[in-house]
Every structure is written in structure tokens, then in C-alpha cells.
């Protein structure tokens, strides 16, 4: 491995060490260990370090085709230490600023969508529902009115037939009337018995299912 390649490898590993430090702080900031389960924290930690290892190996492969030397580990530690001593406070302030700006941006977009999309659609739906309810009430009132008019017309039309029927009933012999009355009484009693049986059965089933 040439001197220039070694120099570039050292610089890249120092940069990767600083990147590890920044990634670790970012990971700790979003992980929220206090409110997480231990198993989930354990899995996240393993995934984090596996990803960091893959990134480091990929960078190393791009620089010197994956040749690992002992001094490269020292370069990683130097980069990590440099980040902890010089860049950590600045990075954390920048990270918090970015998080705050992102939250404010998302909140602004949310309010904008509510004002420009959600509220107009909501008021449009409410307006359409109100119009439909108004039309329904008007149609219901109209149907009731037409029904009353038709019922009145029907009563007027059938009134002569009603008078004729009463006259014909008076002409029916009393014996025939008595037969019809008896038949009516028998049928009424029969239907009343059926009704009582149904009511008793209903109460029996209700008591069974009620328990």
C-alpha cells in the first residue's frame, strides 16, 4: 500500500471516528432509553453497531480495498476522541436546532394542510349534508301534504259508496246479520287466543334469555 493510500486511509478513518461519535450522539438522542424496553434497546444497539461496522468497512474498501491495519483502529479512536473534545458540543447544538426546525416545519405544514385542505373539505361536506337534510325535510313535508290531500279526495270520492253501503246493510235481513256477527265473534275470539299464546311464548323466551 503506497504512502498516499495510507495517508488517505488514515484521514478517512479519523473522519469515520468522528462520524461514529456524531452517529452515537444522534442515536442516543432519538432512542430515549428510559422509556424503552431492555430487549428493544439491546436489538437497537446491535443493529446500530452492525450498521456502523458495515459503513466503516465500505469506506475502507473504497480507500484501500479493505486492508485492515492496527494503526487504522488507532485512527478511528483518534477521530472519535477529537469529536468528543472539539465537536460534540457544537454538533449537539446543531442537532437540537435541526430537530426544533423540523418540528416547527412539520407543525407549520400540518396547520397549513388543515387550513387549506381539511377545513374546506369538512365545511363542504357539512354544507352538502345540510342541503340534503333541508331537501329531505322539504320532500317529507311535501309528501305529507300530498298524502293529506289524496286522503281527503279519497274520502270525498268514497263517501257516496259509504252511504250506499250503509243503506245496503239496512236492507240485509236480521238473521243474516246475526250469522255475520257470530262469525265475527268467533274469528275475533280465535285471533285473541292466538295473540295471547304468542304473548306468553314471547315472555317465556324473554325470561329464558334474560337469565
N, C-alpha and C. Protein backbone atom coordinates (compact mmCIF):
# COMPACT_ATOMS: atom_id res chain seq x y z
N UNK A 1 0.86 -1.19 0.00
CA UNK A 1 0.00 0.00 0.00
C UNK A 1 0.90 1.24 0.00
N UNK A 2 0.73 2.15 -0.96
CA UNK A 2 1.57 3.33 -1.11
C UNK A 2 1.34 4.30 0.03
N UNK A 3 2.25 5.28 0.14
CA UNK A 3 2.15 6.27 1.21
C UNK A 3 0.89 7.13 1.06
N UNK A 4 0.58 7.51 -0.18
CA UNK A 4 -0.62 8.33 -0.40
C UNK A 4 -1.88 7.56 -0.01
N UNK A 5 -1.90 6.27 -0.34
CA UNK A 5 -3.06 5.45 0.04
C UNK A 5 -3.17 5.35 1.55
N UNK A 6 -2.01 5.15 2.23
CA UNK A 6 -2.03 5.09 3.67
C UNK A 6 -2.50 6.41 4.29
N UNK A 7 -2.04 7.52 3.69
CA UNK A 7 -2.45 8.83 4.20
C UNK A 7 -3.96 9.03 4.05
N UNK A 8 -4.48 8.71 2.88
CA UNK A 8 -5.93 8.84 2.67
C UNK A 8 -6.71 7.90 3.58
N UNK A 9 -6.14 6.71 3.81
CA UNK A 9 -6.81 5.75 4.70
C UNK A 9 -6.86 6.29 6.12
N UNK A 10 -5.75 6.89 6.58
CA UNK A 10 -5.73 7.47 7.92
C UNK A 10 -6.76 8.59 8.05
N UNK A 11 -6.79 9.48 7.04
CA UNK A 11 -7.75 10.58 7.10
C UNK A 11 -9.19 10.06 7.11
N UNK A 12 -9.45 9.05 6.27
CA UNK A 12 -10.81 8.52 6.21
C UNK A 12 -11.21 7.85 7.51
N UNK A 13 -10.30 7.16 8.16
CA UNK A 13 -10.60 6.51 9.43
C UNK A 13 -10.78 7.53 10.56
N UNK A 14 -9.97 8.61 10.54
CA UNK A 14 -10.18 9.68 11.53
C UNK A 14 -11.56 10.30 11.33
N UNK A 15 -11.93 10.52 10.05
CA UNK A 15 -13.27 11.06 9.76
C UNK A 15 -14.35 10.08 10.19
N UNK A 16 -14.12 8.79 9.97
CA UNK A 16 -15.10 7.79 10.40
C UNK A 16 -15.23 7.75 11.92
N UNK A 17 -14.12 7.97 12.64
CA UNK A 17 -14.20 8.04 14.09
C UNK A 17 -15.08 9.19 14.56
N UNK A 18 -14.90 10.35 13.92
CA UNK A 18 -15.77 11.49 14.24
C UNK A 18 -17.22 11.20 13.84
N UNK A 19 -17.37 10.51 12.71
CA UNK A 19 -18.73 10.15 12.27
C UNK A 19 -19.38 9.19 13.27
N UNK A 20 -18.61 8.25 13.81
CA UNK A 20 -19.14 7.34 14.83
C UNK A 20 -19.63 8.11 16.05
N UNK A 21 -18.82 9.10 16.48
CA UNK A 21 -19.23 9.91 17.63
C UNK A 21 -20.52 10.66 17.38
N UNK A 22 -20.62 11.30 16.21
CA UNK A 22 -21.84 12.04 15.88
C UNK A 22 -23.03 11.09 15.74
N UNK A 23 -22.81 9.93 15.11
CA UNK A 23 -23.89 8.95 14.96
C UNK A 23 -24.36 8.44 16.31
N UNK A 24 -23.41 8.21 17.22
CA UNK A 24 -23.75 7.71 18.55
C UNK A 24 -24.59 8.74 19.31
N UNK A 25 -24.21 10.01 19.24
CA UNK A 25 -24.99 11.05 19.92
C UNK A 25 -26.38 11.18 19.31
N UNK A 26 -26.45 11.09 18.00
CA UNK A 26 -27.76 11.16 17.33
C UNK A 26 -28.62 9.97 17.72
N UNK A 27 -28.02 8.80 17.75
CA UNK A 27 -28.73 7.58 18.15
C UNK A 27 -29.24 7.68 19.59
N UNK A 28 -28.38 8.16 20.50
CA UNK A 28 -28.79 8.31 21.89
C UNK A 28 -29.89 9.36 22.03
N UNK A 29 -29.84 10.39 21.21
CA UNK A 29 -30.85 11.46 21.29
C UNK A 29 -32.22 10.94 20.90
N UNK A 30 -32.31 10.08 19.92
CA UNK A 30 -33.62 9.61 19.43
C UNK A 30 -34.06 8.30 20.08
N UNK A 31 -33.15 7.59 20.74
CA UNK A 31 -33.52 6.28 21.29
C UNK A 31 -34.43 6.41 22.50
N UNK A 32 -34.15 7.38 23.39
CA UNK A 32 -34.96 7.57 24.60
C UNK A 32 -34.97 6.30 25.44
N UNK A 33 -33.80 5.97 25.99
CA UNK A 33 -33.61 4.69 26.69
C UNK A 33 -34.54 4.52 27.89
N UNK A 34 -34.88 5.60 28.57
CA UNK A 34 -35.68 5.48 29.79
C UNK A 34 -37.07 4.91 29.51
N UNK A 35 -37.60 5.19 28.36
CA UNK A 35 -38.96 4.76 28.04
C UNK A 35 -39.00 3.56 27.10
N UNK A 36 -37.88 2.89 26.94
CA UNK A 36 -37.81 1.73 26.04
C UNK A 36 -37.59 0.45 26.85
N UNK A 37 -38.05 -0.66 26.30
CA UNK A 37 -37.80 -1.96 26.94
C UNK A 37 -36.36 -2.39 26.68
N UNK A 38 -35.82 -3.17 27.62
CA UNK A 38 -34.42 -3.58 27.51
C UNK A 38 -34.15 -4.42 26.27
N UNK A 39 -35.06 -5.30 25.95
CA UNK A 39 -34.87 -6.14 24.77
C UNK A 39 -34.81 -5.29 23.51
N UNK A 40 -35.68 -4.30 23.42
CA UNK A 40 -35.69 -3.42 22.25
C UNK A 40 -34.41 -2.60 22.19
N UNK A 41 -33.94 -2.13 23.35
CA UNK A 41 -32.68 -1.39 23.39
C UNK A 41 -31.53 -2.27 22.94
N UNK A 42 -31.52 -3.52 23.40
CA UNK A 42 -30.45 -4.46 23.04
C UNK A 42 -30.43 -4.69 21.52
N UNK A 43 -31.59 -4.90 20.93
CA UNK A 43 -31.67 -5.13 19.48
C UNK A 43 -31.24 -3.88 18.71
N UNK A 44 -31.68 -2.70 19.17
CA UNK A 44 -31.30 -1.46 18.50
C UNK A 44 -29.80 -1.22 18.58
N UNK A 45 -29.21 -1.51 19.74
CA UNK A 45 -27.76 -1.33 19.88
C UNK A 45 -26.98 -2.23 18.92
N UNK A 46 -27.40 -3.49 18.84
CA UNK A 46 -26.72 -4.42 17.92
C UNK A 46 -26.84 -3.93 16.47
N UNK A 47 -28.05 -3.55 16.08
CA UNK A 47 -28.25 -3.06 14.71
C UNK A 47 -27.42 -1.80 14.45
N UNK A 48 -27.34 -0.91 15.43
CA UNK A 48 -26.57 0.32 15.26
C UNK A 48 -25.11 0.02 14.99
N UNK A 49 -24.51 -0.84 15.84
CA UNK A 49 -23.09 -1.11 15.68
C UNK A 49 -22.80 -1.96 14.44
N UNK A 50 -23.74 -2.81 14.05
CA UNK A 50 -23.55 -3.57 12.80
C UNK A 50 -23.55 -2.61 11.61
N UNK A 51 -24.46 -1.66 11.61
CA UNK A 51 -24.51 -0.69 10.51
C UNK A 51 -23.26 0.17 10.49
N UNK A 52 -22.80 0.61 11.68
CA UNK A 52 -21.58 1.41 11.73
C UNK A 52 -20.38 0.61 11.22
N UNK A 53 -20.31 -0.68 11.60
CA UNK A 53 -19.21 -1.52 11.11
C UNK A 53 -19.26 -1.68 9.60
N UNK A 54 -20.45 -1.88 9.05
CA UNK A 54 -20.56 -2.01 7.59
C UNK A 54 -20.16 -0.72 6.88
N UNK A 55 -20.56 0.42 7.42
CA UNK A 55 -20.17 1.70 6.81
C UNK A 55 -18.65 1.87 6.84
N UNK A 56 -18.04 1.54 8.00
CA UNK A 56 -16.58 1.67 8.11
C UNK A 56 -15.87 0.75 7.13
N UNK A 57 -16.34 -0.46 7.02
CA UNK A 57 -15.70 -1.41 6.09
C UNK A 57 -15.89 -0.94 4.64
N UNK A 58 -17.06 -0.38 4.33
CA UNK A 58 -17.28 0.09 2.96
C UNK A 58 -16.35 1.26 2.63
N UNK A 59 -16.18 2.18 3.57
CA UNK A 59 -15.26 3.30 3.35
C UNK A 59 -13.83 2.78 3.20
N UNK A 60 -13.47 1.83 4.05
CA UNK A 60 -12.13 1.25 3.97
C UNK A 60 -11.92 0.54 2.64
N UNK A 61 -12.96 -0.11 2.16
CA UNK A 61 -12.86 -0.80 0.87
C UNK A 61 -12.68 0.20 -0.27
N UNK A 62 -13.35 1.33 -0.20
CA UNK A 62 -13.21 2.34 -1.24
C UNK A 62 -11.82 2.96 -1.25
N UNK A 63 -11.19 3.06 -0.06
CA UNK A 63 -9.89 3.73 0.02
C UNK A 63 -8.73 2.78 -0.29
N UNK A 64 -8.72 1.60 0.38
CA UNK A 64 -7.57 0.69 0.19
C UNK A 64 -8.00 -0.75 -0.06
N UNK A 65 -9.21 -0.93 -0.58
CA UNK A 65 -9.72 -2.26 -0.94
C UNK A 65 -9.86 -3.18 0.28
N UNK A 66 -10.12 -2.60 1.45
CA UNK A 66 -10.45 -3.39 2.64
C UNK A 66 -9.28 -3.91 3.43
N UNK A 67 -8.09 -3.35 3.26
CA UNK A 67 -6.93 -3.80 4.04
C UNK A 67 -7.00 -3.16 5.42
N UNK A 68 -7.08 -3.99 6.45
CA UNK A 68 -7.20 -3.51 7.82
C UNK A 68 -5.84 -3.60 8.52
N UNK A 69 -5.40 -2.47 9.08
CA UNK A 69 -4.15 -2.43 9.82
C UNK A 69 -4.43 -1.94 11.25
N UNK A 70 -3.50 -2.22 12.15
CA UNK A 70 -3.69 -1.86 13.55
C UNK A 70 -3.79 -0.35 13.73
N UNK A 71 -2.98 0.42 12.99
CA UNK A 71 -2.98 1.87 13.16
C UNK A 71 -4.30 2.50 12.70
N UNK A 72 -5.07 1.75 11.87
CA UNK A 72 -6.36 2.28 11.44
C UNK A 72 -7.35 2.31 12.60
N UNK A 73 -7.23 1.30 13.49
CA UNK A 73 -8.07 1.31 14.70
C UNK A 73 -7.70 2.50 15.58
N UNK A 74 -6.40 2.79 15.68
CA UNK A 74 -5.96 3.96 16.44
C UNK A 74 -6.48 5.25 15.80
N UNK A 75 -6.51 5.28 14.44
CA UNK A 75 -7.05 6.45 13.74
C UNK A 75 -8.53 6.64 14.06
N UNK A 76 -9.28 5.53 14.10
CA UNK A 76 -10.71 5.62 14.47
C UNK A 76 -10.87 6.19 15.88
N UNK A 77 -10.05 5.69 16.82
CA UNK A 77 -10.13 6.18 18.19
C UNK A 77 -9.74 7.65 18.27
N UNK A 78 -8.74 8.06 17.48
CA UNK A 78 -8.34 9.47 17.47
C UNK A 78 -9.46 10.36 16.94
N UNK A 79 -10.10 9.89 15.87
CA UNK A 79 -11.22 10.66 15.32
C UNK A 79 -12.38 10.77 16.30
N UNK A 80 -12.66 9.67 16.99
CA UNK A 80 -13.72 9.67 17.99
C UNK A 80 -13.38 10.61 19.14
N UNK A 81 -12.11 10.55 19.61
CA UNK A 81 -11.67 11.42 20.70
C UNK A 81 -11.70 12.89 20.28
N UNK A 82 -11.30 13.18 19.03
CA UNK A 82 -11.33 14.56 18.54
C UNK A 82 -12.77 15.08 18.50
N UNK A 83 -13.67 14.23 18.10
CA UNK A 83 -15.08 14.65 18.09
C UNK A 83 -15.56 14.94 19.50
N UNK A 84 -15.24 14.05 20.46
CA UNK A 84 -15.68 14.23 21.84
C UNK A 84 -15.12 15.51 22.44
N UNK A 85 -13.87 15.84 22.08
CA UNK A 85 -13.22 17.01 22.69
C UNK A 85 -13.55 18.32 21.99
N UNK A 86 -13.72 18.29 20.66
CA UNK A 86 -13.84 19.54 19.91
C UNK A 86 -15.22 19.78 19.27
N UNK A 87 -15.86 18.72 18.84
CA UNK A 87 -17.05 18.91 18.00
C UNK A 87 -18.37 18.53 18.67
N UNK A 88 -18.31 17.83 19.80
CA UNK A 88 -19.54 17.29 20.38
C UNK A 88 -20.53 18.38 20.77
N UNK A 89 -20.09 19.40 21.48
CA UNK A 89 -21.00 20.46 21.93
C UNK A 89 -21.62 21.20 20.74
N UNK A 90 -20.78 21.50 19.76
CA UNK A 90 -21.29 22.19 18.57
C UNK A 90 -22.29 21.32 17.82
N UNK A 91 -21.95 20.03 17.67
CA UNK A 91 -22.84 19.13 16.94
C UNK A 91 -24.18 18.97 17.66
N UNK A 92 -24.15 18.84 18.98
CA UNK A 92 -25.40 18.67 19.72
C UNK A 92 -26.28 19.91 19.60
N UNK A 93 -25.67 21.10 19.60
CA UNK A 93 -26.46 22.32 19.40
C UNK A 93 -27.07 22.36 18.00
N UNK A 94 -26.26 21.98 17.02
CA UNK A 94 -26.78 21.94 15.64
C UNK A 94 -27.88 20.90 15.52
N UNK A 95 -27.69 19.74 16.16
CA UNK A 95 -28.69 18.67 16.11
C UNK A 95 -30.01 19.13 16.72
N UNK A 96 -29.94 19.78 17.89
CA UNK A 96 -31.15 20.28 18.53
C UNK A 96 -31.82 21.35 17.67
N UNK A 97 -31.02 22.19 17.04
CA UNK A 97 -31.59 23.22 16.16
C UNK A 97 -32.30 22.59 14.97
N UNK A 98 -31.67 21.55 14.40
CA UNK A 98 -32.30 20.87 13.26
C UNK A 98 -33.59 20.19 13.69
N UNK A 99 -33.58 19.53 14.87
CA UNK A 99 -34.79 18.87 15.37
C UNK A 99 -35.89 19.89 15.62
N UNK A 100 -35.52 21.01 16.25
CA UNK A 100 -36.51 22.05 16.52
C UNK A 100 -37.06 22.62 15.22
N UNK A 101 -36.18 22.89 14.25
CA UNK A 101 -36.63 23.42 12.96
C UNK A 101 -37.53 22.42 12.24
N UNK A 102 -37.18 21.12 12.32
CA UNK A 102 -38.00 20.10 11.67
C UNK A 102 -39.38 20.02 12.30
N UNK A 103 -39.41 20.07 13.64
CA UNK A 103 -40.70 20.03 14.33
C UNK A 103 -41.57 21.23 13.95
N UNK A 104 -40.94 22.42 13.95
CA UNK A 104 -41.71 23.62 13.58
C UNK A 104 -42.19 23.55 12.14
N UNK A 105 -41.35 23.01 11.27
CA UNK A 105 -41.74 22.89 9.86
C UNK A 105 -42.91 21.92 9.70
N UNK A 106 -42.82 20.76 10.38
CA UNK A 106 -43.90 19.79 10.31
C UNK A 106 -45.19 20.37 10.88
N UNK A 107 -45.08 21.09 12.00
CA UNK A 107 -46.26 21.72 12.61
C UNK A 107 -46.87 22.76 11.67
N UNK A 108 -46.00 23.54 11.01
CA UNK A 108 -46.49 24.55 10.06
C UNK A 108 -47.20 23.88 8.88
N UNK A 109 -46.59 22.81 8.34
CA UNK A 109 -47.21 22.11 7.21
C UNK A 109 -48.54 21.50 7.63
N UNK A 110 -48.58 20.95 8.86
CA UNK A 110 -49.82 20.37 9.37
C UNK A 110 -50.92 21.43 9.47
N UNK A 111 -50.58 22.57 10.06
CA UNK A 111 -51.57 23.65 10.16
C UNK A 111 -52.00 24.14 8.78
N UNK A 112 -51.03 24.21 7.87
CA UNK A 112 -51.34 24.66 6.51
C UNK A 112 -52.29 23.69 5.81
N UNK A 113 -52.03 22.40 5.97
CA UNK A 113 -52.90 21.40 5.36
C UNK A 113 -54.30 21.43 5.98
N UNK A 114 -54.35 21.64 7.31
CA UNK A 114 -55.65 21.73 7.97
C UNK A 114 -56.43 22.93 7.46
N UNK A 115 -55.71 24.06 7.31
CA UNK A 115 -56.39 25.29 6.89
C UNK A 115 -56.80 25.27 5.42
N UNK A 116 -55.95 24.67 4.57
CA UNK A 116 -56.20 24.73 3.13
C UNK A 116 -56.91 23.50 2.56
N UNK A 117 -56.81 22.38 3.26
CA UNK A 117 -57.39 21.14 2.72
C UNK A 117 -58.49 20.58 3.63
N UNK A 118 -58.13 20.33 4.90
CA UNK A 118 -59.08 19.65 5.79
C UNK A 118 -60.31 20.50 6.08
N UNK A 119 -60.09 21.75 6.50
CA UNK A 119 -61.24 22.60 6.85
C UNK A 119 -62.17 22.86 5.66
N UNK A 120 -61.65 23.21 4.46
CA UNK A 120 -62.58 23.39 3.33
C UNK A 120 -63.39 22.13 3.01
N UNK A 121 -62.72 20.97 3.05
CA UNK A 121 -63.44 19.72 2.76
C UNK A 121 -64.49 19.46 3.84
N UNK A 122 -64.11 19.70 5.11
CA UNK A 122 -65.05 19.47 6.21
C UNK A 122 -66.28 20.37 6.07
N UNK A 123 -66.04 21.68 5.82
CA UNK A 123 -67.18 22.59 5.70
C UNK A 123 -68.00 22.31 4.46
N UNK A 124 -67.35 21.85 3.38
CA UNK A 124 -68.09 21.48 2.18
C UNK A 124 -69.00 20.28 2.44
N UNK A 125 -68.47 19.29 3.15
CA UNK A 125 -69.27 18.10 3.49
C UNK A 125 -70.44 18.49 4.40
N UNK A 126 -70.16 19.33 5.40
CA UNK A 126 -71.23 19.77 6.29
C UNK A 126 -72.29 20.55 5.53
N UNK A 127 -71.85 21.38 4.58
CA UNK A 127 -72.80 22.14 3.77
C UNK A 127 -73.67 21.22 2.92
N UNK A 128 -73.03 20.22 2.29
CA UNK A 128 -73.79 19.29 1.46
C UNK A 128 -74.77 18.47 2.31
N UNK A 129 -74.31 18.06 3.50
CA UNK A 129 -75.21 17.32 4.39
C UNK A 129 -76.38 18.20 4.81
N UNK A 130 -76.10 19.46 5.11
CA UNK A 130 -77.18 20.38 5.47
C UNK A 130 -78.17 20.57 4.33
N UNK A 131 -77.64 20.71 3.10
CA UNK A 131 -78.53 20.87 1.94
C UNK A 131 -79.38 19.63 1.75
N UNK A 132 -78.76 18.45 1.88
CA UNK A 132 -79.52 17.21 1.72
C UNK A 132 -80.59 17.06 2.79
N UNK A 133 -80.27 17.43 4.04
CA UNK A 133 -81.27 17.37 5.11
C UNK A 133 -82.40 18.34 4.85
N UNK A 134 -82.06 19.52 4.36
CA UNK A 134 -83.11 20.50 4.05
C UNK A 134 -84.02 20.00 2.93
N UNK A 135 -83.39 19.44 1.88
CA UNK A 135 -84.18 18.90 0.78
C UNK A 135 -85.05 17.74 1.26
N UNK A 136 -84.48 16.90 2.14
CA UNK A 136 -85.25 15.78 2.68
C UNK A 136 -86.45 16.26 3.48
N UNK A 137 -86.25 17.30 4.30
CA UNK A 137 -87.37 17.83 5.08
C UNK A 137 -88.45 18.42 4.17
N UNK A 138 -87.99 19.14 3.14
CA UNK A 138 -88.96 19.73 2.20
C UNK A 138 -89.75 18.63 1.50
N UNK A 139 -89.05 17.58 1.05
CA UNK A 139 -89.74 16.48 0.38
C UNK A 139 -90.69 15.75 1.32
N UNK A 140 -90.26 15.57 2.58
CA UNK A 140 -91.12 14.91 3.55
C UNK A 140 -92.38 15.72 3.82
N UNK A 141 -92.20 17.03 3.95
CA UNK A 141 -93.37 17.92 4.15
C UNK A 141 -94.28 17.86 2.94
N UNK A 142 -93.68 17.86 1.75
CA UNK A 142 -94.49 17.80 0.53
C UNK A 142 -95.25 16.48 0.43
N UNK A 143 -94.58 15.38 0.78
CA UNK A 143 -95.24 14.07 0.75
C UNK A 143 -96.40 14.03 1.73
N UNK A 144 -96.17 14.56 2.94
CA UNK A 144 -97.26 14.59 3.92
C UNK A 144 -98.44 15.41 3.42
N UNK A 145 -98.14 16.54 2.82
CA UNK A 145 -99.21 17.40 2.31
C UNK A 145 -99.98 16.71 1.19
N UNK A 146 -99.23 16.11 0.25
CA UNK A 146 -99.89 15.40 -0.87
C UNK A 146 -100.70 14.23 -0.34
N UNK A 147 -100.16 13.53 0.68
CA UNK A 147 -100.89 12.41 1.27
C UNK A 147 -102.19 12.86 1.91
N UNK A 148 -102.16 13.99 2.63
CA UNK A 148 -103.39 14.52 3.24
C UNK A 148 -104.41 14.90 2.18
N UNK A 149 -103.91 15.54 1.09
CA UNK A 149 -104.84 15.93 0.01
C UNK A 149 -105.45 14.70 -0.64
N UNK A 150 -104.62 13.68 -0.91
CA UNK A 150 -105.15 12.47 -1.53
C UNK A 150 -106.13 11.75 -0.61
N UNK A 151 -105.82 11.76 0.69
CA UNK A 151 -106.74 11.12 1.65
C UNK A 151 -108.08 11.85 1.69
N UNK A 152 -108.01 13.17 1.65
CA UNK A 152 -109.27 13.95 1.63
C UNK A 152 -110.06 13.68 0.36
N UNK A 153 -109.34 13.65 -0.78
CA UNK A 153 -110.02 13.37 -2.06
C UNK A 153 -110.62 11.97 -2.04
N UNK A 154 -109.87 11.02 -1.47
CA UNK A 154 -110.37 9.65 -1.39
C UNK A 154 -111.62 9.56 -0.52
N UNK A 155 -111.62 10.31 0.60
CA UNK A 155 -112.80 10.32 1.46
C UNK A 155 -113.99 10.90 0.72
N UNK A 156 -113.73 11.97 -0.03
CA UNK A 156 -114.83 12.59 -0.78
C UNK A 156 -115.37 11.64 -1.84
N UNK A 157 -114.45 10.95 -2.54
CA UNK A 157 -114.87 10.03 -3.61
C UNK A 157 -115.63 8.83 -3.03
N UNK A 158 -115.15 8.34 -1.89
CA UNK A 158 -115.76 7.13 -1.32
C UNK A 158 -116.99 7.43 -0.45
N UNK A 159 -117.26 8.68 -0.18
CA UNK A 159 -118.39 9.00 0.69
C UNK A 159 -119.72 8.49 0.13
N UNK A 160 -120.00 8.67 -1.17
CA UNK A 160 -121.26 8.11 -1.70
C UNK A 160 -121.34 6.60 -1.56
N UNK A 161 -120.18 5.92 -1.78
CA UNK A 161 -120.19 4.46 -1.62
C UNK A 161 -120.43 4.08 -0.16
N UNK A 162 -119.93 4.91 0.75
CA UNK A 162 -120.17 4.66 2.17
C UNK A 162 -121.66 4.74 2.49
N UNK A 163 -122.31 5.76 1.93
CA UNK A 163 -123.75 5.90 2.16
C UNK A 163 -124.53 4.74 1.55
N UNK A 164 -124.09 4.35 0.34
CA UNK A 164 -124.76 3.22 -0.32
C UNK A 164 -124.58 1.95 0.50
N UNK A 165 -123.35 1.74 1.05
CA UNK A 165 -123.09 0.56 1.85
C UNK A 165 -123.95 0.54 3.10
N UNK A 166 -124.09 1.68 3.77
CA UNK A 166 -124.94 1.74 4.95
C UNK A 166 -126.39 1.40 4.59
N UNK A 167 -126.83 1.90 3.43
CA UNK A 167 -128.20 1.59 3.00
C UNK A 167 -128.38 0.11 2.72
N UNK A 168 -127.38 -0.49 2.07
CA UNK A 168 -127.48 -1.91 1.76
C UNK A 168 -127.46 -2.76 3.03
N UNK A 169 -126.65 -2.32 4.02
CA UNK A 169 -126.61 -3.06 5.29
C UNK A 169 -127.97 -3.05 5.98
N UNK A 170 -128.69 -1.92 5.87
CA UNK A 170 -130.02 -1.85 6.47
C UNK A 170 -131.01 -2.80 5.78
N UNK A 171 -130.75 -3.07 4.50
CA UNK A 171 -131.65 -3.95 3.76
C UNK A 171 -131.37 -5.43 4.02
N UNK A 172 -130.21 -5.72 4.62
CA UNK A 172 -129.87 -7.12 4.89
C UNK A 172 -130.78 -7.65 6.00
N UNK A 173 -131.29 -8.86 5.86
CA UNK A 173 -132.15 -9.43 6.90
C UNK A 173 -131.40 -9.59 8.24
N UNK A 174 -132.18 -9.54 9.32
CA UNK A 174 -131.58 -9.63 10.65
C UNK A 174 -130.91 -10.98 10.89
N UNK A 175 -131.47 -12.06 10.33
CA UNK A 175 -130.87 -13.38 10.52
C UNK A 175 -129.46 -13.44 9.91
N UNK A 176 -129.33 -12.86 8.74
CA UNK A 176 -128.01 -12.83 8.09
C UNK A 176 -127.03 -12.00 8.91
N UNK A 177 -127.52 -10.88 9.46
CA UNK A 177 -126.67 -10.05 10.30
C UNK A 177 -126.19 -10.82 11.52
N UNK A 178 -127.14 -11.59 12.13
CA UNK A 178 -126.76 -12.37 13.30
C UNK A 178 -125.69 -13.40 12.96
N UNK A 179 -125.84 -14.04 11.78
CA UNK A 179 -124.82 -15.03 11.36
C UNK A 179 -123.46 -14.37 11.21
N UNK A 180 -123.44 -13.18 10.56
CA UNK A 180 -122.17 -12.47 10.39
C UNK A 180 -121.58 -12.04 11.72
N UNK A 181 -122.45 -11.61 12.65
CA UNK A 181 -121.97 -11.20 13.96
C UNK A 181 -121.36 -12.37 14.73
N UNK A 182 -122.02 -13.54 14.65
CA UNK A 182 -121.49 -14.72 15.32
C UNK A 182 -120.14 -15.13 14.71
N UNK A 183 -120.10 -15.09 13.38
CA UNK A 183 -118.83 -15.46 12.70
C UNK A 183 -117.72 -14.49 13.09
N UNK A 184 -118.08 -13.23 13.16
CA UNK A 184 -117.09 -12.22 13.54
C UNK A 184 -116.61 -12.44 14.98
N UNK A 185 -117.57 -12.77 15.87
CA UNK A 185 -117.21 -13.01 17.28
C UNK A 185 -116.29 -14.23 17.39
N UNK A 186 -116.61 -15.30 16.64
CA UNK A 186 -115.77 -16.50 16.67
C UNK A 186 -114.37 -16.20 16.18
N UNK A 187 -114.27 -15.48 15.03
CA UNK A 187 -112.96 -15.15 14.49
C UNK A 187 -112.18 -14.24 15.43
N UNK A 188 -112.89 -13.26 16.04
CA UNK A 188 -112.22 -12.36 16.98
C UNK A 188 -111.67 -13.12 18.18
N UNK A 189 -112.48 -14.07 18.69
CA UNK A 189 -112.00 -14.89 19.82
C UNK A 189 -110.83 -15.76 19.43
N UNK A 190 -110.87 -16.31 18.22
CA UNK A 190 -109.78 -17.15 17.74
C UNK A 190 -108.48 -16.35 17.64
N UNK A 191 -108.54 -15.18 17.03
CA UNK A 191 -107.35 -14.34 16.89
C UNK A 191 -106.85 -13.84 18.25
N UNK A 192 -107.78 -13.59 19.18
CA UNK A 192 -107.38 -13.17 20.52
C UNK A 192 -106.62 -14.28 21.24
N UNK A 193 -107.08 -15.52 21.06
CA UNK A 193 -106.39 -16.66 21.67
C UNK A 193 -104.98 -16.81 21.12
N UNK A 194 -104.87 -16.67 19.79
CA UNK A 194 -103.55 -16.75 19.14
C UNK A 194 -102.63 -15.65 19.68
N UNK A 195 -103.19 -14.45 19.83
CA UNK A 195 -102.41 -13.33 20.35
C UNK A 195 -101.91 -13.61 21.76
N UNK A 196 -102.78 -14.15 22.61
CA UNK A 196 -102.39 -14.48 23.99
C UNK A 196 -101.30 -15.54 24.03
N UNK A 197 -101.42 -16.55 23.17
CA UNK A 197 -100.39 -17.59 23.11
C UNK A 197 -99.05 -17.01 22.68
N UNK A 198 -99.08 -16.14 21.69
CA UNK A 198 -97.84 -15.52 21.21
C UNK A 198 -97.20 -14.66 22.30
N UNK A 199 -98.04 -13.92 23.04
CA UNK A 199 -97.51 -13.07 24.11
C UNK A 199 -96.86 -13.92 25.19
N UNK A 200 -97.54 -15.03 25.58
CA UNK A 200 -96.98 -15.91 26.60
C UNK A 200 -95.66 -16.53 26.12
N UNK A 201 -95.61 -16.95 24.86
CA UNK A 201 -94.38 -17.53 24.33
C UNK A 201 -93.25 -16.51 24.31
N UNK A 202 -93.59 -15.28 23.96
CA UNK A 202 -92.59 -14.21 23.93
C UNK A 202 -92.03 -13.96 25.33
N UNK A 203 -92.89 -13.87 26.33
CA UNK A 203 -92.43 -13.64 27.70
C UNK A 203 -91.61 -14.83 28.21
N UNK A 204 -92.00 -16.04 27.80
CA UNK A 204 -91.23 -17.22 28.22
C UNK A 204 -89.82 -17.19 27.64
N UNK A 205 -89.72 -16.89 26.36
CA UNK A 205 -88.40 -16.82 25.72
C UNK A 205 -87.58 -15.68 26.30
N UNK A 206 -88.24 -14.58 26.60
CA UNK A 206 -87.53 -13.44 27.18
C UNK A 206 -86.97 -13.78 28.55
N UNK A 207 -87.76 -14.54 29.36
CA UNK A 207 -87.28 -14.94 30.68
C UNK A 207 -86.11 -15.91 30.59
N UNK A 208 -86.13 -16.79 29.59
CA UNK A 208 -85.02 -17.73 29.39
C UNK A 208 -83.75 -17.01 29.04
N UNK A 209 -83.81 -16.12 28.03
CA UNK A 209 -82.61 -15.42 27.57
C UNK A 209 -82.19 -14.35 28.57
N UNK A 210 -83.16 -13.86 29.37
CA UNK A 210 -82.80 -12.86 30.37
C UNK A 210 -81.93 -13.43 31.46
N UNK A 211 -82.15 -14.67 31.81
CA UNK A 211 -81.33 -15.32 32.82
C UNK A 211 -79.93 -15.59 32.27
